[in-house]
Amino acid sequence: MAMSQQVSLMSDEIRDGTSSMRFSISAGWNVLVLDDDLDRHAWFKQRMPDAKFAETAEQAMRLLARYKFNAAFLDHDLHWTHLSSIKIFKGTGREVAKFMQDMNFKGSVVIHSKNPIGADLMCEFLPHAHIAPFGTFEIS
């Protein structure tokens, strides 16, 4: 992927007047969404109907090994137990971030976790990632 193919990020005002971010995804891009919340899947699917979805770290890593993605939206806490201890690595978005680092992922990454510690830990593996907790951004 050429360096010019980045998720476009800009500050924007959304309907309720709060400051938000807007990510612009180019038509034809292969996009991965990792989240265990099916309501969030529906939200992403409305905006990116052709995205590939994973509910678990294992599913995401299988998709990453199989397809070339231009962008990925990643959650950290993929099970309720992940909220209880930041020491948990296996099965979290952090495991996926490490996998992406190991595979030298060149696409754009948005970490949409509402867990700020988990998101920061994911950025240790993916320093080029944007952190935008779910609900603070829009996709066009």
N, C-alpha and C. Protein backbone atom coordinates (compact mmCIF):
# COMPACT_ATOMS: atom_id res chain seq x y z
N MET A 1 0.83 -1.17 0.00
CA MET A 1 0.00 0.00 0.00
C MET A 1 0.88 1.24 0.00
N ALA A 2 0.53 2.19 -0.82
CA ALA A 2 1.29 3.44 -0.89
C ALA A 2 1.07 4.24 0.38
N MET A 3 2.06 5.03 0.74
CA MET A 3 1.98 5.84 1.96
C MET A 3 0.81 6.82 1.91
N SER A 4 0.37 7.22 0.71
CA SER A 4 -0.72 8.18 0.61
C SER A 4 -2.06 7.56 0.98
N GLN A 5 -2.14 6.26 1.06
CA GLN A 5 -3.38 5.59 1.42
C GLN A 5 -3.49 5.49 2.94
N GLN A 6 -3.85 6.57 3.56
CA GLN A 6 -4.04 6.62 5.00
C GLN A 6 -5.48 6.95 5.29
N VAL A 7 -5.97 6.52 6.44
CA VAL A 7 -7.28 6.96 6.87
C VAL A 7 -7.18 8.46 7.08
N SER A 8 -8.09 9.18 6.47
CA SER A 8 -8.10 10.63 6.64
C SER A 8 -8.76 10.95 7.97
N LEU A 9 -8.10 11.77 8.77
CA LEU A 9 -8.60 12.14 10.09
C LEU A 9 -8.74 13.64 10.16
N MET A 10 -9.92 14.09 10.60
CA MET A 10 -10.12 15.53 10.75
C MET A 10 -11.02 15.78 11.95
N SER A 11 -10.86 16.93 12.56
CA SER A 11 -11.75 17.35 13.64
C SER A 11 -13.06 17.76 13.00
N ASP A 12 -14.16 17.48 13.68
CA ASP A 12 -15.46 17.77 13.10
C ASP A 12 -16.45 18.04 14.22
N GLU A 13 -17.50 18.75 13.90
CA GLU A 13 -18.61 18.94 14.83
C GLU A 13 -19.74 18.03 14.37
N ILE A 14 -20.25 17.21 15.29
CA ILE A 14 -21.36 16.33 14.93
C ILE A 14 -22.66 16.93 15.44
N ARG A 15 -23.79 16.28 15.15
CA ARG A 15 -25.12 16.84 15.40
C ARG A 15 -25.33 17.40 16.80
N ASP A 16 -24.85 16.74 17.82
CA ASP A 16 -25.11 17.23 19.17
C ASP A 16 -24.16 18.35 19.58
N GLY A 17 -23.28 18.77 18.67
CA GLY A 17 -22.41 19.90 18.94
C GLY A 17 -21.13 19.56 19.67
N THR A 18 -20.92 18.30 20.00
CA THR A 18 -19.69 17.93 20.68
C THR A 18 -18.58 17.74 19.67
N SER A 19 -17.37 17.96 20.11
CA SER A 19 -16.23 17.79 19.23
C SER A 19 -16.02 16.30 18.98
N SER A 20 -15.73 15.94 17.77
CA SER A 20 -15.57 14.54 17.39
C SER A 20 -14.51 14.44 16.31
N MET A 21 -14.13 13.22 16.01
CA MET A 21 -13.22 12.96 14.90
C MET A 21 -14.01 12.31 13.79
N ARG A 22 -13.55 12.50 12.59
CA ARG A 22 -14.17 11.86 11.44
C ARG A 22 -13.08 11.14 10.67
N PHE A 23 -13.31 9.87 10.42
CA PHE A 23 -12.39 9.07 9.63
C PHE A 23 -13.01 8.84 8.26
N SER A 24 -12.25 9.11 7.22
CA SER A 24 -12.71 8.93 5.85
C SER A 24 -12.06 7.66 5.30
N ILE A 25 -12.89 6.70 4.92
CA ILE A 25 -12.40 5.42 4.39
C ILE A 25 -12.65 5.42 2.89
N SER A 26 -11.62 5.19 2.12
CA SER A 26 -11.73 5.18 0.66
C SER A 26 -12.55 3.98 0.19
N ALA A 27 -13.34 4.22 -0.85
CA ALA A 27 -14.12 3.14 -1.47
C ALA A 27 -13.17 2.04 -1.94
N GLY A 28 -13.56 0.83 -1.75
CA GLY A 28 -12.75 -0.30 -2.20
C GLY A 28 -11.72 -0.77 -1.19
N TRP A 29 -11.58 -0.07 -0.09
CA TRP A 29 -10.62 -0.50 0.93
C TRP A 29 -11.11 -1.74 1.65
N ASN A 30 -10.18 -2.61 1.97
CA ASN A 30 -10.45 -3.76 2.82
C ASN A 30 -10.28 -3.30 4.27
N VAL A 31 -11.33 -3.41 5.07
CA VAL A 31 -11.31 -2.92 6.44
C VAL A 31 -11.68 -4.06 7.40
N LEU A 32 -10.91 -4.16 8.47
CA LEU A 32 -11.18 -5.12 9.54
C LEU A 32 -11.75 -4.37 10.74
N VAL A 33 -12.81 -4.93 11.33
CA VAL A 33 -13.37 -4.40 12.57
C VAL A 33 -13.30 -5.51 13.61
N LEU A 34 -12.63 -5.24 14.72
CA LEU A 34 -12.53 -6.18 15.83
C LEU A 34 -13.30 -5.61 17.01
N ASP A 35 -14.40 -6.29 17.38
CA ASP A 35 -15.20 -5.88 18.53
C ASP A 35 -16.12 -7.03 18.90
N ASP A 36 -16.31 -7.25 20.20
CA ASP A 36 -17.19 -8.32 20.65
C ASP A 36 -18.64 -7.87 20.79
N ASP A 37 -18.91 -6.58 20.63
CA ASP A 37 -20.24 -6.02 20.80
C ASP A 37 -20.97 -6.00 19.45
N LEU A 38 -22.03 -6.80 19.33
CA LEU A 38 -22.74 -6.89 18.06
C LEU A 38 -23.48 -5.60 17.71
N ASP A 39 -23.85 -4.80 18.70
CA ASP A 39 -24.45 -3.49 18.39
C ASP A 39 -23.42 -2.60 17.70
N ARG A 40 -22.18 -2.69 18.13
CA ARG A 40 -21.12 -1.92 17.46
C ARG A 40 -20.88 -2.45 16.06
N HIS A 41 -20.96 -3.77 15.89
CA HIS A 41 -20.84 -4.33 14.54
C HIS A 41 -21.87 -3.68 13.62
N ALA A 42 -23.11 -3.58 14.11
CA ALA A 42 -24.18 -2.98 13.29
C ALA A 42 -23.84 -1.53 12.95
N TRP A 43 -23.32 -0.79 13.91
CA TRP A 43 -22.94 0.61 13.68
C TRP A 43 -21.88 0.70 12.58
N PHE A 44 -20.82 -0.12 12.71
CA PHE A 44 -19.76 -0.11 11.70
C PHE A 44 -20.29 -0.58 10.35
N LYS A 45 -21.15 -1.60 10.35
CA LYS A 45 -21.67 -2.16 9.09
C LYS A 45 -22.51 -1.12 8.33
N GLN A 46 -23.22 -0.25 9.05
CA GLN A 46 -23.97 0.82 8.39
C GLN A 46 -23.03 1.75 7.62
N ARG A 47 -21.84 1.94 8.12
CA ARG A 47 -20.90 2.88 7.53
C ARG A 47 -19.92 2.21 6.56
N MET A 48 -19.66 0.93 6.81
CA MET A 48 -18.70 0.19 5.96
C MET A 48 -19.27 -1.21 5.72
N PRO A 49 -20.26 -1.33 4.81
CA PRO A 49 -20.95 -2.60 4.62
C PRO A 49 -20.06 -3.75 4.15
N ASP A 50 -18.92 -3.44 3.55
CA ASP A 50 -18.05 -4.50 3.05
C ASP A 50 -16.92 -4.87 4.00
N ALA A 51 -16.90 -4.27 5.19
CA ALA A 51 -15.85 -4.59 6.16
C ALA A 51 -15.97 -6.04 6.60
N LYS A 52 -14.84 -6.58 7.06
CA LYS A 52 -14.82 -7.92 7.64
C LYS A 52 -14.81 -7.76 9.15
N PHE A 53 -15.58 -8.60 9.84
CA PHE A 53 -15.79 -8.45 11.28
C PHE A 53 -15.25 -9.65 12.04
N ALA A 54 -14.66 -9.38 13.18
CA ALA A 54 -14.17 -10.41 14.09
C ALA A 54 -14.66 -10.06 15.50
N GLU A 55 -15.10 -11.07 16.23
CA GLU A 55 -15.53 -10.88 17.62
C GLU A 55 -14.45 -11.27 18.61
N THR A 56 -13.47 -12.05 18.16
CA THR A 56 -12.42 -12.53 19.05
C THR A 56 -11.05 -12.20 18.45
N ALA A 57 -10.04 -12.22 19.31
CA ALA A 57 -8.67 -12.01 18.85
C ALA A 57 -8.27 -13.09 17.85
N GLU A 58 -8.65 -14.32 18.13
CA GLU A 58 -8.31 -15.43 17.24
C GLU A 58 -8.91 -15.23 15.85
N GLN A 59 -10.18 -14.83 15.79
CA GLN A 59 -10.81 -14.58 14.49
C GLN A 59 -10.09 -13.46 13.75
N ALA A 60 -9.75 -12.39 14.46
CA ALA A 60 -9.06 -11.26 13.83
C ALA A 60 -7.70 -11.67 13.28
N MET A 61 -6.95 -12.44 14.04
CA MET A 61 -5.62 -12.86 13.56
C MET A 61 -5.73 -13.79 12.36
N ARG A 62 -6.76 -14.63 12.33
CA ARG A 62 -6.98 -15.48 11.14
C ARG A 62 -7.28 -14.62 9.91
N LEU A 63 -8.14 -13.60 10.09
CA LEU A 63 -8.45 -12.71 8.96
C LEU A 63 -7.22 -11.93 8.52
N LEU A 64 -6.45 -11.43 9.47
CA LEU A 64 -5.23 -10.68 9.13
C LEU A 64 -4.23 -11.55 8.37
N ALA A 65 -4.16 -12.82 8.71
CA ALA A 65 -3.25 -13.74 8.01
C ALA A 65 -3.75 -14.06 6.61
N ARG A 66 -5.05 -13.97 6.40
CA ARG A 66 -5.65 -14.38 5.13
C ARG A 66 -5.80 -13.23 4.13
N TYR A 67 -6.12 -12.03 4.62
CA TYR A 67 -6.42 -10.90 3.74
C TYR A 67 -5.46 -9.74 3.97
N LYS A 68 -5.33 -8.92 2.94
CA LYS A 68 -4.57 -7.68 3.08
C LYS A 68 -5.57 -6.57 3.38
N PHE A 69 -5.40 -5.91 4.53
CA PHE A 69 -6.32 -4.86 4.95
C PHE A 69 -5.65 -3.49 4.80
N ASN A 70 -6.44 -2.52 4.39
CA ASN A 70 -5.98 -1.14 4.31
C ASN A 70 -6.15 -0.41 5.64
N ALA A 71 -7.13 -0.86 6.43
CA ALA A 71 -7.42 -0.20 7.70
C ALA A 71 -8.03 -1.21 8.67
N ALA A 72 -7.86 -0.91 9.96
CA ALA A 72 -8.43 -1.77 11.01
C ALA A 72 -8.94 -0.89 12.15
N PHE A 73 -10.11 -1.23 12.65
CA PHE A 73 -10.70 -0.62 13.84
C PHE A 73 -10.67 -1.69 14.92
N LEU A 74 -9.95 -1.42 16.01
CA LEU A 74 -9.69 -2.44 17.02
C LEU A 74 -10.20 -2.05 18.40
N ASP A 75 -10.85 -3.01 19.06
CA ASP A 75 -11.24 -2.86 20.46
C ASP A 75 -10.22 -3.63 21.30
N HIS A 76 -10.09 -3.27 22.57
CA HIS A 76 -9.19 -3.99 23.47
C HIS A 76 -9.92 -5.06 24.25
N ASP A 77 -10.99 -4.71 24.95
CA ASP A 77 -11.69 -5.64 25.84
C ASP A 77 -12.67 -6.47 25.04
N LEU A 78 -12.30 -7.72 24.78
CA LEU A 78 -13.13 -8.59 23.95
C LEU A 78 -13.90 -9.61 24.78
N HIS A 79 -13.83 -9.47 26.07
CA HIS A 79 -14.58 -10.32 27.01
C HIS A 79 -14.70 -9.54 28.30
N TRP A 80 -15.77 -9.74 29.04
CA TRP A 80 -15.97 -8.95 30.26
C TRP A 80 -14.83 -9.13 31.26
N THR A 81 -14.14 -10.28 31.24
CA THR A 81 -13.04 -10.48 32.19
C THR A 81 -11.84 -9.58 31.90
N HIS A 82 -11.74 -9.09 30.67
CA HIS A 82 -10.62 -8.22 30.31
C HIS A 82 -10.67 -6.89 31.04
N LEU A 83 -11.86 -6.51 31.49
CA LEU A 83 -12.01 -5.27 32.25
C LEU A 83 -11.40 -5.38 33.64
N SER A 84 -11.34 -6.61 34.15
CA SER A 84 -10.92 -6.80 35.54
C SER A 84 -9.41 -6.78 35.74
N SER A 85 -8.64 -7.06 34.68
CA SER A 85 -7.19 -7.09 34.84
C SER A 85 -6.49 -6.72 33.54
N ILE A 86 -5.69 -5.69 33.61
CA ILE A 86 -4.92 -5.26 32.45
C ILE A 86 -3.78 -6.24 32.17
N LYS A 87 -3.52 -7.15 33.09
CA LYS A 87 -2.46 -8.14 32.91
C LYS A 87 -2.84 -9.21 31.89
N ILE A 88 -4.14 -9.34 31.61
CA ILE A 88 -4.59 -10.33 30.62
C ILE A 88 -4.13 -9.88 29.24
N PHE A 89 -3.45 -10.78 28.53
CA PHE A 89 -2.96 -10.50 27.18
C PHE A 89 -3.69 -11.36 26.16
N LYS A 90 -3.74 -12.67 26.43
CA LYS A 90 -4.34 -13.63 25.50
C LYS A 90 -5.81 -13.31 25.28
N GLY A 91 -6.18 -13.19 24.02
CA GLY A 91 -7.57 -12.96 23.67
C GLY A 91 -8.01 -11.51 23.67
N THR A 92 -7.09 -10.59 23.93
CA THR A 92 -7.43 -9.16 23.94
C THR A 92 -7.01 -8.49 22.63
N GLY A 93 -7.44 -7.26 22.47
CA GLY A 93 -6.99 -6.47 21.33
C GLY A 93 -5.50 -6.26 21.34
N ARG A 94 -4.91 -6.30 22.52
CA ARG A 94 -3.45 -6.14 22.63
C ARG A 94 -2.75 -7.31 21.94
N GLU A 95 -3.29 -8.52 22.07
CA GLU A 95 -2.69 -9.67 21.37
C GLU A 95 -2.76 -9.44 19.86
N VAL A 96 -3.86 -8.90 19.38
CA VAL A 96 -4.01 -8.61 17.95
C VAL A 96 -3.03 -7.51 17.53
N ALA A 97 -2.87 -6.48 18.35
CA ALA A 97 -1.91 -5.42 18.04
C ALA A 97 -0.50 -5.98 17.93
N LYS A 98 -0.13 -6.87 18.82
CA LYS A 98 1.21 -7.50 18.77
C LYS A 98 1.34 -8.32 17.48
N PHE A 99 0.30 -9.06 17.13
CA PHE A 99 0.29 -9.84 15.89
C PHE A 99 0.48 -8.93 14.69
N MET A 100 -0.20 -7.78 14.69
CA MET A 100 -0.07 -6.83 13.59
C MET A 100 1.33 -6.23 13.53
N GLN A 101 1.92 -5.97 14.68
CA GLN A 101 3.30 -5.48 14.72
C GLN A 101 4.23 -6.54 14.12
N ASP A 102 4.05 -7.78 14.53
CA ASP A 102 4.91 -8.88 14.05
C ASP A 102 4.78 -9.08 12.54
N MET A 103 3.58 -8.83 12.00
CA MET A 103 3.39 -9.00 10.55
C MET A 103 3.71 -7.71 9.78
N ASN A 104 4.16 -6.66 10.51
CA ASN A 104 4.52 -5.38 9.90
C ASN A 104 3.34 -4.77 9.15
N PHE A 105 2.21 -4.72 9.84
CA PHE A 105 0.98 -4.16 9.25
C PHE A 105 1.21 -2.73 8.81
N LYS A 106 0.90 -2.44 7.56
CA LYS A 106 1.17 -1.12 6.99
C LYS A 106 -0.09 -0.25 6.87
N GLY A 107 -1.25 -0.82 7.14
CA GLY A 107 -2.49 -0.06 7.00
C GLY A 107 -2.70 0.92 8.15
N SER A 108 -3.79 1.64 8.06
CA SER A 108 -4.18 2.58 9.10
C SER A 108 -4.91 1.83 10.21
N VAL A 109 -4.72 2.29 11.44
CA VAL A 109 -5.32 1.63 12.59
C VAL A 109 -6.00 2.67 13.47
N VAL A 110 -7.24 2.35 13.87
CA VAL A 110 -7.96 3.14 14.85
C VAL A 110 -8.28 2.22 16.01
N ILE A 111 -7.81 2.57 17.19
CA ILE A 111 -8.12 1.80 18.40
C ILE A 111 -9.33 2.49 19.03
N HIS A 112 -10.47 1.80 18.98
CA HIS A 112 -11.72 2.42 19.43
C HIS A 112 -12.15 1.92 20.82
N SER A 113 -11.24 1.38 21.58
CA SER A 113 -11.55 0.89 22.93
C SER A 113 -11.89 2.05 23.85
N LYS A 114 -12.85 1.81 24.74
CA LYS A 114 -13.18 2.80 25.77
C LYS A 114 -12.31 2.59 27.02
N ASN A 115 -11.42 1.61 26.97
CA ASN A 115 -10.49 1.32 28.06
C ASN A 115 -9.19 2.09 27.75
N PRO A 116 -8.95 3.23 28.39
CA PRO A 116 -7.78 4.05 28.02
C PRO A 116 -6.44 3.35 28.30
N ILE A 117 -6.37 2.56 29.34
CA ILE A 117 -5.12 1.84 29.63
C ILE A 117 -4.88 0.79 28.56
N GLY A 118 -5.91 0.03 28.22
CA GLY A 118 -5.78 -0.99 27.18
C GLY A 118 -5.41 -0.37 25.84
N ALA A 119 -6.02 0.77 25.49
CA ALA A 119 -5.71 1.44 24.23
C ALA A 119 -4.25 1.89 24.20
N ASP A 120 -3.79 2.46 25.30
CA ASP A 120 -2.39 2.89 25.37
C ASP A 120 -1.43 1.70 25.23
N LEU A 121 -1.77 0.58 25.85
CA LEU A 121 -0.93 -0.61 25.74
C LEU A 121 -0.91 -1.14 24.31
N MET A 122 -2.02 -1.05 23.61
CA MET A 122 -2.06 -1.46 22.21
C MET A 122 -1.16 -0.57 21.37
N CYS A 123 -1.12 0.72 21.70
CA CYS A 123 -0.27 1.66 20.94
C CYS A 123 1.21 1.38 21.12
N GLU A 124 1.58 0.68 22.18
CA GLU A 124 2.99 0.29 22.32
C GLU A 124 3.40 -0.62 21.17
N PHE A 125 2.47 -1.42 20.65
CA PHE A 125 2.75 -2.28 19.50
C PHE A 125 2.47 -1.58 18.18
N LEU A 126 1.53 -0.63 18.19
CA LEU A 126 1.12 0.07 16.97
C LEU A 126 1.20 1.58 17.21
N PRO A 127 2.41 2.13 17.27
CA PRO A 127 2.55 3.54 17.62
C PRO A 127 1.93 4.51 16.62
N HIS A 128 1.67 4.06 15.40
CA HIS A 128 1.07 4.92 14.38
C HIS A 128 -0.46 4.96 14.49
N ALA A 129 -1.04 4.18 15.39
CA ALA A 129 -2.50 4.08 15.52
C ALA A 129 -3.10 5.35 16.10
N HIS A 130 -4.34 5.62 15.69
CA HIS A 130 -5.14 6.69 16.28
C HIS A 130 -5.93 6.07 17.43
N ILE A 131 -6.03 6.76 18.56
CA ILE A 131 -6.92 6.33 19.63
C ILE A 131 -8.16 7.21 19.57
N ALA A 132 -9.32 6.56 19.39
CA ALA A 132 -10.60 7.27 19.32
C ALA A 132 -11.65 6.36 19.96
N PRO A 133 -11.93 6.57 21.25
CA PRO A 133 -12.91 5.70 21.91
C PRO A 133 -14.23 5.68 21.15
N PHE A 134 -14.86 4.50 21.12
CA PHE A 134 -16.14 4.36 20.41
C PHE A 134 -17.12 5.41 20.91
N GLY A 135 -17.78 6.06 19.98
CA GLY A 135 -18.72 7.12 20.32
C GLY A 135 -18.15 8.50 20.16
N THR A 136 -16.83 8.60 19.91
CA THR A 136 -16.20 9.91 19.75
C THR A 136 -15.81 10.20 18.31
N PHE A 137 -16.24 9.34 17.38
CA PHE A 137 -15.86 9.55 15.99
C PHE A 137 -16.99 9.14 15.07
N GLU A 138 -16.86 9.55 13.82
CA GLU A 138 -17.78 9.17 12.77
C GLU A 138 -16.95 8.68 11.60
N ILE A 139 -17.55 7.90 10.74
CA ILE A 139 -16.87 7.35 9.55
C ILE A 139 -17.64 7.78 8.33
N SER A 140 -16.90 8.26 7.33
CA SER A 140 -17.55 8.62 6.06
C SER A 140 -16.79 8.00 4.91
